Amino acid sequence: MIKIEARLFATLRRYRPEVSLNEPIVVELAQGSTVEQLWQTLGIPEDVVKQTFVNGLQADRSTTLHDGDRVGIFPPIAGG
């Protein structure tokens, strides 16, 4: 098993309302798990994810996660 810290941003926070603002979600996953498997574990539909970063670097759904990784998950965000 590996442990990662995930942070959900903007509208994705609704999938984990029990987590305080700026508090990471510690998730245990099987060795070799991917970003996509993390989304599934957190209950986040892939069509609402725009970008995912692992340790500050952009990652795609097939990126393999490792023990201690820090993951940020973002929805599409519009500004103005």
PDB file of N, CA and C in Angstrom:
ATOM      1  N   MET A   1       0.840  -1.188   0.000  1.00  0.00           N
ATOM      2  CA  MET A   1       0.000   0.000   0.000  1.00  0.00           C
ATOM      3  C   MET A   1       0.882   1.248   0.000  1.00  0.00           C
ATOM      4  N   ILE A   2       0.355   2.289  -0.618  1.00  0.00           N
ATOM      5  CA  ILE A   2       1.021   3.589  -0.601  1.00  0.00           C
ATOM      6  C   ILE A   2       0.051   4.608  -0.019  1.00  0.00           C
ATOM      7  N   LYS A   3       0.595   5.685   0.542  1.00  0.00           N
ATOM      8  CA  LYS A   3      -0.222   6.789   1.036  1.00  0.00           C
ATOM      9  C   LYS A   3       0.124   8.027   0.234  1.00  0.00           C
ATOM     10  N   ILE A   4      -0.906   8.716  -0.229  1.00  0.00           N
ATOM     11  CA  ILE A   4      -0.703   9.975  -0.945  1.00  0.00           C
ATOM     12  C   ILE A   4      -1.584  11.034  -0.284  1.00  0.00           C
ATOM     13  N   GLU A   5      -1.242  12.295  -0.517  1.00  0.00           N
ATOM     14  CA  GLU A   5      -2.052  13.412  -0.055  1.00  0.00           C
ATOM     15  C   GLU A   5      -2.700  14.044  -1.273  1.00  0.00           C
ATOM     16  N   ALA A   6      -4.018  14.136  -1.258  1.00  0.00           N
ATOM     17  CA  ALA A   6      -4.747  14.747  -2.367  1.00  0.00           C
ATOM     18  C   ALA A   6      -5.435  16.016  -1.883  1.00  0.00           C
ATOM     19  N   ARG A   7      -5.462  17.007  -2.745  1.00  0.00           N
ATOM     20  CA  ARG A   7      -6.195  18.239  -2.471  1.00  0.00           C
ATOM     21  C   ARG A   7      -7.139  18.484  -3.644  1.00  0.00           C
ATOM     22  N   LEU A   8      -8.379  18.780  -3.302  1.00  0.00           N
ATOM     23  CA  LEU A   8      -9.397  19.061  -4.309  1.00  0.00           C
ATOM     24  C   LEU A   8      -9.626  20.567  -4.336  1.00  0.00           C
ATOM     25  N   PHE A   9      -9.732  21.123  -5.523  1.00  0.00           N
ATOM     26  CA  PHE A   9      -9.878  22.563  -5.661  1.00  0.00           C
ATOM     27  C   PHE A   9     -11.211  22.941  -6.296  1.00  0.00           C
ATOM     28  N   ALA A  10     -11.649  24.145  -5.937  1.00  0.00           N
ATOM     29  CA  ALA A  10     -12.868  24.765  -6.487  1.00  0.00           C
ATOM     30  C   ALA A  10     -14.075  23.829  -6.346  1.00  0.00           C
ATOM     31  N   THR A  11     -14.784  23.597  -7.428  1.00  0.00           N
ATOM     32  CA  THR A  11     -16.037  22.838  -7.361  1.00  0.00           C
ATOM     33  C   THR A  11     -15.838  21.363  -7.027  1.00  0.00           C
ATOM     34  N   LEU A  12     -14.619  20.854  -7.144  1.00  0.00           N
ATOM     35  CA  LEU A  12     -14.378  19.443  -6.813  1.00  0.00           C
ATOM     36  C   LEU A  12     -14.479  19.183  -5.313  1.00  0.00           C
ATOM     37  N   ARG A  13     -14.400  20.222  -4.504  1.00  0.00           N
ATOM     38  CA  ARG A  13     -14.500  20.052  -3.056  1.00  0.00           C
ATOM     39  C   ARG A  13     -15.847  19.453  -2.648  1.00  0.00           C
ATOM     40  N   ARG A  14     -16.851  19.606  -3.484  1.00  0.00           N
ATOM     41  CA  ARG A  14     -18.172  19.057  -3.133  1.00  0.00           C
ATOM     42  C   ARG A  14     -18.158  17.532  -3.016  1.00  0.00           C
ATOM     43  N   TYR A  15     -17.155  16.891  -3.602  1.00  0.00           N
ATOM     44  CA  TYR A  15     -17.065  15.433  -3.516  1.00  0.00           C
ATOM     45  C   TYR A  15     -16.525  14.958  -2.170  1.00  0.00           C
ATOM     46  N   ARG A  16     -15.970  15.857  -1.390  1.00  0.00           N
ATOM     47  CA  ARG A  16     -15.463  15.535  -0.050  1.00  0.00           C
ATOM     48  C   ARG A  16     -15.766  16.693   0.898  1.00  0.00           C
ATOM     49  N   PRO A  17     -17.052  16.963   1.140  1.00  0.00           N
ATOM     50  CA  PRO A  17     -17.420  18.120   1.972  1.00  0.00           C
ATOM     51  C   PRO A  17     -16.958  18.002   3.421  1.00  0.00           C
ATOM     52  N   GLU A  18     -16.637  16.808   3.870  1.00  0.00           N
ATOM     53  CA  GLU A  18     -16.204  16.618   5.257  1.00  0.00           C
ATOM     54  C   GLU A  18     -14.775  17.101   5.500  1.00  0.00           C
ATOM     55  N   VAL A  19     -14.045  17.401   4.443  1.00  0.00           N
ATOM     56  CA  VAL A  19     -12.653  17.824   4.573  1.00  0.00           C
ATOM     57  C   VAL A  19     -12.597  19.351   4.626  1.00  0.00           C
ATOM     58  N   SER A  20     -11.891  19.870   5.627  1.00  0.00           N
ATOM     59  CA  SER A  20     -11.762  21.318   5.790  1.00  0.00           C
ATOM     60  C   SER A  20     -10.969  21.934   4.643  1.00  0.00           C
ATOM     61  N   LEU A  21     -11.216  23.206   4.401  1.00  0.00           N
ATOM     62  CA  LEU A  21     -10.508  23.955   3.372  1.00  0.00           C
ATOM     63  C   LEU A  21      -9.003  23.861   3.618  1.00  0.00           C
ATOM     64  N   ASN A  22      -8.246  23.634   2.582  1.00  0.00           N
ATOM     65  CA  ASN A  22      -6.782  23.507   2.620  1.00  0.00           C
ATOM     66  C   ASN A  22      -6.279  22.286   3.376  1.00  0.00           C
ATOM     67  N   GLU A  23      -7.153  21.393   3.772  1.00  0.00           N
ATOM     68  CA  GLU A  23      -6.737  20.156   4.436  1.00  0.00           C
ATOM     69  C   GLU A  23      -6.571  19.066   3.379  1.00  0.00           C
ATOM     70  N   PRO A  24      -5.435  18.373   3.382  1.00  0.00           N
ATOM     71  CA  PRO A  24      -5.277  17.297   2.403  1.00  0.00           C
ATOM     72  C   PRO A  24      -6.100  16.074   2.792  1.00  0.00           C
ATOM     73  N   ILE A  25      -6.433  15.298   1.798  1.00  0.00           N
ATOM     74  CA  ILE A  25      -7.107  14.027   2.009  1.00  0.00           C
ATOM     75  C   ILE A  25      -6.022  12.956   1.898  1.00  0.00           C
ATOM     76  N   VAL A  26      -5.801  12.223   2.957  1.00  0.00           N
ATOM     77  CA  VAL A  26      -4.806  11.145   2.921  1.00  0.00           C
ATOM     78  C   VAL A  26      -5.508   9.891   2.420  1.00  0.00           C
ATOM     79  N   VAL A  27      -4.980   9.341   1.350  1.00  0.00           N
ATOM     80  CA  VAL A  27      -5.596   8.190   0.696  1.00  0.00           C
ATOM     81  C   VAL A  27      -4.582   7.049   0.641  1.00  0.00           C
ATOM     82  N   GLU A  28      -5.023   5.855   0.993  1.00  0.00           N
ATOM     83  CA  GLU A  28      -4.202   4.667   0.831  1.00  0.00           C
ATOM     84  C   GLU A  28      -4.655   3.944  -0.437  1.00  0.00           C
ATOM     85  N   LEU A  29      -3.689   3.622  -1.266  1.00  0.00           N
ATOM     86  CA  LEU A  29      -3.955   2.943  -2.534  1.00  0.00           C
ATOM     87  C   LEU A  29      -2.998   1.766  -2.679  1.00  0.00           C
ATOM     88  N   ALA A  30      -3.346   0.867  -3.560  1.00  0.00           N
ATOM     89  CA  ALA A  30      -2.465  -0.260  -3.854  1.00  0.00           C
ATOM     90  C   ALA A  30      -1.228   0.232  -4.600  1.00  0.00           C
ATOM     91  N   GLN A  31      -0.114  -0.435  -4.376  1.00  0.00           N
ATOM     92  CA  GLN A  31       1.115  -0.139  -5.116  1.00  0.00           C
ATOM     93  C   GLN A  31       0.811  -0.190  -6.606  1.00  0.00           C
ATOM     94  N   GLY A  32       1.305   0.779  -7.360  1.00  0.00           N
ATOM     95  CA  GLY A  32       1.085   0.803  -8.805  1.00  0.00           C
ATOM     96  C   GLY A  32      -0.190   1.508  -9.231  1.00  0.00           C
ATOM     97  N   SER A  33      -0.921   2.101  -8.286  1.00  0.00           N
ATOM     98  CA  SER A  33      -2.161   2.811  -8.635  1.00  0.00           C
ATOM     99  C   SER A  33      -1.856   4.052  -9.467  1.00  0.00           C
ATOM    100  N   THR A  34      -2.841   4.427 -10.271  1.00  0.00           N
ATOM    101  CA  THR A  34      -2.697   5.569 -11.168  1.00  0.00           C
ATOM    102  C   THR A  34      -3.544   6.743 -10.696  1.00  0.00           C
ATOM    103  N   VAL A  35      -3.333   7.870 -11.345  1.00  0.00           N
ATOM    104  CA  VAL A  35      -4.143   9.061 -11.082  1.00  0.00           C
ATOM    105  C   VAL A  35      -5.621   8.749 -11.292  1.00  0.00           C
ATOM    106  N   GLU A  36      -5.944   8.045 -12.356  1.00  0.00           N
ATOM    107  CA  GLU A  36      -7.339   7.704 -12.627  1.00  0.00           C
ATOM    108  C   GLU A  36      -7.936   6.865 -11.490  1.00  0.00           C
ATOM    109  N   GLN A  37      -7.176   5.944 -10.952  1.00  0.00           N
ATOM    110  CA  GLN A  37      -7.670   5.141  -9.829  1.00  0.00           C
ATOM    111  C   GLN A  37      -7.874   6.006  -8.585  1.00  0.00           C
ATOM    112  N   LEU A  38      -7.047   7.027  -8.411  1.00  0.00           N
ATOM    113  CA  LEU A  38      -7.252   7.965  -7.309  1.00  0.00           C
ATOM    114  C   LEU A  38      -8.570   8.696  -7.487  1.00  0.00           C
ATOM    115  N   TRP A  39      -8.840   9.199  -8.700  1.00  0.00           N
ATOM    116  CA  TRP A  39     -10.122   9.872  -8.952  1.00  0.00           C
ATOM    117  C   TRP A  39     -11.281   8.951  -8.577  1.00  0.00           C
ATOM    118  N   GLN A  40     -11.204   7.703  -8.996  1.00  0.00           N
ATOM    119  CA  GLN A  40     -12.271   6.746  -8.708  1.00  0.00           C
ATOM    120  C   GLN A  40     -12.425   6.527  -7.201  1.00  0.00           C
ATOM    121  N   THR A  41     -11.320   6.392  -6.505  1.00  0.00           N
ATOM    122  CA  THR A  41     -11.355   6.187  -5.056  1.00  0.00           C
ATOM    123  C   THR A  41     -12.010   7.368  -4.349  1.00  0.00           C
ATOM    124  N   LEU A  42     -11.758   8.577  -4.855  1.00  0.00           N
ATOM    125  CA  LEU A  42     -12.324   9.780  -4.252  1.00  0.00           C
ATOM    126  C   LEU A  42     -13.759  10.038  -4.715  1.00  0.00           C
ATOM    127  N   GLY A  43     -14.236   9.261  -5.684  1.00  0.00           N
ATOM    128  CA  GLY A  43     -15.599   9.433  -6.182  1.00  0.00           C
ATOM    129  C   GLY A  43     -15.763  10.617  -7.112  1.00  0.00           C
ATOM    130  N   ILE A  44     -14.687  10.972  -7.806  1.00  0.00           N
ATOM    131  CA  ILE A  44     -14.717  12.121  -8.712  1.00  0.00           C
ATOM    132  C   ILE A  44     -14.844  11.622 -10.147  1.00  0.00           C
ATOM    133  N   PRO A  45     -15.924  11.985 -10.840  1.00  0.00           N
ATOM    134  CA  PRO A  45     -16.074  11.565 -12.238  1.00  0.00           C
ATOM    135  C   PRO A  45     -14.974  12.182 -13.106  1.00  0.00           C
ATOM    136  N   GLU A  46     -14.421  11.404 -14.009  1.00  0.00           N
ATOM    137  CA  GLU A  46     -13.305  11.900 -14.811  1.00  0.00           C
ATOM    138  C   GLU A  46     -13.691  13.083 -15.692  1.00  0.00           C
ATOM    139  N   ASP A  47     -14.972  13.205 -16.049  1.00  0.00           N
ATOM    140  CA  ASP A  47     -15.377  14.311 -16.921  1.00  0.00           C
ATOM    141  C   ASP A  47     -15.413  15.663 -16.206  1.00  0.00           C
ATOM    142  N   VAL A  48     -15.232  15.692 -14.885  1.00  0.00           N
ATOM    143  CA  VAL A  48     -15.196  16.975 -14.173  1.00  0.00           C
ATOM    144  C   VAL A  48     -13.768  17.369 -13.791  1.00  0.00           C
ATOM    145  N   VAL A  49     -12.787  16.552 -14.157  1.00  0.00           N
ATOM    146  CA  VAL A  49     -11.386  16.861 -13.867  1.00  0.00           C
ATOM    147  C   VAL A  49     -10.747  17.482 -15.102  1.00  0.00           C
ATOM    148  N   LYS A  50     -10.162  18.661 -14.908  1.00  0.00           N
ATOM    149  CA  LYS A  50      -9.469  19.329 -16.024  1.00  0.00           C
ATOM    150  C   LYS A  50      -7.962  19.077 -15.959  1.00  0.00           C
ATOM    151  N   GLN A  51      -7.388  19.234 -14.752  1.00  0.00           N
ATOM    152  CA  GLN A  51      -5.955  19.055 -14.608  1.00  0.00           C
ATOM    153  C   GLN A  51      -5.634  18.368 -13.287  1.00  0.00           C
ATOM    154  N   THR A  52      -4.594  17.581 -13.309  1.00  0.00           N
ATOM    155  CA  THR A  52      -4.082  16.941 -12.098  1.00  0.00           C
ATOM    156  C   THR A  52      -2.579  17.166 -12.060  1.00  0.00           C
ATOM    157  N   PHE A  53      -2.095  17.526 -10.885  1.00  0.00           N
ATOM    158  CA  PHE A  53      -0.668  17.726 -10.681  1.00  0.00           C
ATOM    159  C   PHE A  53      -0.178  16.750  -9.622  1.00  0.00           C
ATOM    160  N   VAL A  54       0.951  16.130  -9.866  1.00  0.00           N
ATOM    161  CA  VAL A  54       1.584  15.234  -8.893  1.00  0.00           C
ATOM    162  C   VAL A  54       2.933  15.856  -8.546  1.00  0.00           C
ATOM    163  N   ASN A  55       3.089  16.208  -7.277  1.00  0.00           N
ATOM    164  CA  ASN A  55       4.326  16.854  -6.818  1.00  0.00           C
ATOM    165  C   ASN A  55       4.662  18.086  -7.647  1.00  0.00           C
ATOM    166  N   GLY A  56       3.621  18.846  -8.015  1.00  0.00           N
ATOM    167  CA  GLY A  56       3.803  20.100  -8.738  1.00  0.00           C
ATOM    168  C   GLY A  56       3.971  19.976 -10.236  1.00  0.00           C
ATOM    169  N   LEU A  57       3.944  18.769 -10.758  1.00  0.00           N
ATOM    170  CA  LEU A  57       4.092  18.557 -12.194  1.00  0.00           C
ATOM    171  C   LEU A  57       2.794  18.028 -12.786  1.00  0.00           C
ATOM    172  N   GLN A  58       2.434  18.549 -13.965  1.00  0.00           N
ATOM    173  CA  GLN A  58       1.205  18.099 -14.611  1.00  0.00           C
ATOM    174  C   GLN A  58       1.287  16.600 -14.883  1.00  0.00           C
ATOM    175  N   ALA A  59       0.173  15.912 -14.612  1.00  0.00           N
ATOM    176  CA  ALA A  59       0.117  14.462 -14.782  1.00  0.00           C
ATOM    177  C   ALA A  59      -1.135  14.097 -15.569  1.00  0.00           C
ATOM    178  N   ASP A  60      -1.095  12.966 -16.243  1.00  0.00           N
ATOM    179  CA  ASP A  60      -2.301  12.487 -16.916  1.00  0.00           C
ATOM    180  C   ASP A  60      -2.879  11.311 -16.139  1.00  0.00           C
ATOM    181  N   ARG A  61      -3.992  10.816 -16.596  1.00  0.00           N
ATOM    182  CA  ARG A  61      -4.715   9.767 -15.876  1.00  0.00           C
ATOM    183  C   ARG A  61      -3.913   8.492 -15.676  1.00  0.00           C
ATOM    184  N   SER A  62      -2.947   8.239 -16.537  1.00  0.00           N
ATOM    185  CA  SER A  62      -2.185   6.995 -16.442  1.00  0.00           C
ATOM    186  C   SER A  62      -0.906   7.123 -15.603  1.00  0.00           C
ATOM    187  N   THR A  63      -0.661   8.303 -15.053  1.00  0.00           N
ATOM    188  CA  THR A  63       0.528   8.499 -14.228  1.00  0.00           C
ATOM    189  C   THR A  63       0.466   7.602 -12.994  1.00  0.00           C
ATOM    190  N   THR A  64       1.534   6.865 -12.760  1.00  0.00           N
ATOM    191  CA  THR A  64       1.608   5.989 -11.591  1.00  0.00           C
ATOM    192  C   THR A  64       1.967   6.811 -10.360  1.00  0.00           C
ATOM    193  N   LEU A  65       1.242   6.568  -9.278  1.00  0.00           N
ATOM    194  CA  LEU A  65       1.479   7.271  -8.019  1.00  0.00           C
ATOM    195  C   LEU A  65       2.442   6.476  -7.147  1.00  0.00           C
ATOM    196  N   HIS A  66       3.164   7.208  -6.292  1.00  0.00           N
ATOM    197  CA  HIS A  66       4.140   6.599  -5.395  1.00  0.00           C
ATOM    198  C   HIS A  66       3.906   7.078  -3.973  1.00  0.00           C
ATOM    199  N   ASP A  67       4.378   6.312  -3.024  1.00  0.00           N
ATOM    200  CA  ASP A  67       4.207   6.649  -1.622  1.00  0.00           C
ATOM    201  C   ASP A  67       4.726   8.064  -1.347  1.00  0.00           C
ATOM    202  N   GLY A  68       3.898   8.872  -0.683  1.00  0.00           N
ATOM    203  CA  GLY A  68       4.285  10.230  -0.320  1.00  0.00           C
ATOM    204  C   GLY A  68       3.965  11.285  -1.357  1.00  0.00           C
ATOM    205  N   ASP A  69       3.424  10.890  -2.518  1.00  0.00           N
ATOM    206  CA  ASP A  69       3.086  11.881  -3.544  1.00  0.00           C
ATOM    207  C   ASP A  69       2.035  12.856  -3.021  1.00  0.00           C
ATOM    208  N   ARG A  70       2.121  14.084  -3.526  1.00  0.00           N
ATOM    209  CA  ARG A  70       1.122  15.114  -3.245  1.00  0.00           C
ATOM    210  C   ARG A  70       0.419  15.425  -4.556  1.00  0.00           C
ATOM    211  N   VAL A  71      -0.901  15.302  -4.530  1.00  0.00           N
ATOM    212  CA  VAL A  71      -1.690  15.419  -5.754  1.00  0.00           C
ATOM    213  C   VAL A  71      -2.696  16.559  -5.610  1.00  0.00           C
ATOM    214  N   GLY A  72      -2.750  17.420  -6.614  1.00  0.00           N
ATOM    215  CA  GLY A  72      -3.755  18.476  -6.693  1.00  0.00           C
ATOM    216  C   GLY A  72      -4.659  18.195  -7.872  1.00  0.00           C
ATOM    217  N   ILE A  73      -5.975  18.255  -7.633  1.00  0.00           N
ATOM    218  CA  ILE A  73      -6.942  17.936  -8.684  1.00  0.00           C
ATOM    219  C   ILE A  73      -7.826  19.166  -8.902  1.00  0.00           C
ATOM    220  N   PHE A  74      -7.916  19.608 -10.157  1.00  0.00           N
ATOM    221  CA  PHE A  74      -8.606  20.841 -10.502  1.00  0.00           C
ATOM    222  C   PHE A  74      -9.703  20.599 -11.547  1.00  0.00           C
ATOM    223  N   PRO A  75     -10.846  21.301 -11.403  1.00  0.00           N
ATOM    224  CA  PRO A  75     -11.878  21.274 -12.428  1.00  0.00           C
ATOM    225  C   PRO A  75     -11.565  22.352 -13.469  1.00  0.00           C
ATOM    226  N   PRO A  76     -12.351  22.420 -14.552  1.00  0.00           N
ATOM    227  CA  PRO A  76     -12.198  23.569 -15.456  1.00  0.00           C
ATOM    228  C   PRO A  76     -12.536  24.829 -14.670  1.00  0.00           C
ATOM    229  N   ILE A  77     -11.734  25.847 -14.817  1.00  0.00           N
ATOM    230  CA  ILE A  77     -11.956  27.089 -14.095  1.00  0.00           C
ATOM    231  C   ILE A  77     -11.974  28.241 -15.089  1.00  0.00           C
ATOM    232  N   ALA A  78     -13.005  29.054 -14.998  1.00  0.00           N
ATOM    233  CA  ALA A  78     -13.120  30.235 -15.844  1.00  0.00           C
ATOM    234  C   ALA A  78     -12.867  31.481 -15.004  1.00  0.00           C
ATOM    235  N   GLY A  79     -12.288  32.440 -15.581  1.00  0.00           N
ATOM    236  CA  GLY A  79     -12.017  33.682 -14.853  1.00  0.00           C
ATOM    237  C   GLY A  79     -12.463  34.870 -15.681  1.00  0.00           C
ATOM    238  N   GLY A  80     -12.368  36.001 -15.072  1.00  0.00           N
ATOM    239  CA  GLY A  80     -12.757  37.170 -15.850  1.00  0.00           C
ATOM    240  C   GLY A  80     -12.570  38.431 -15.098  1.00  0.00           C
TER     241      GLY A  80
END
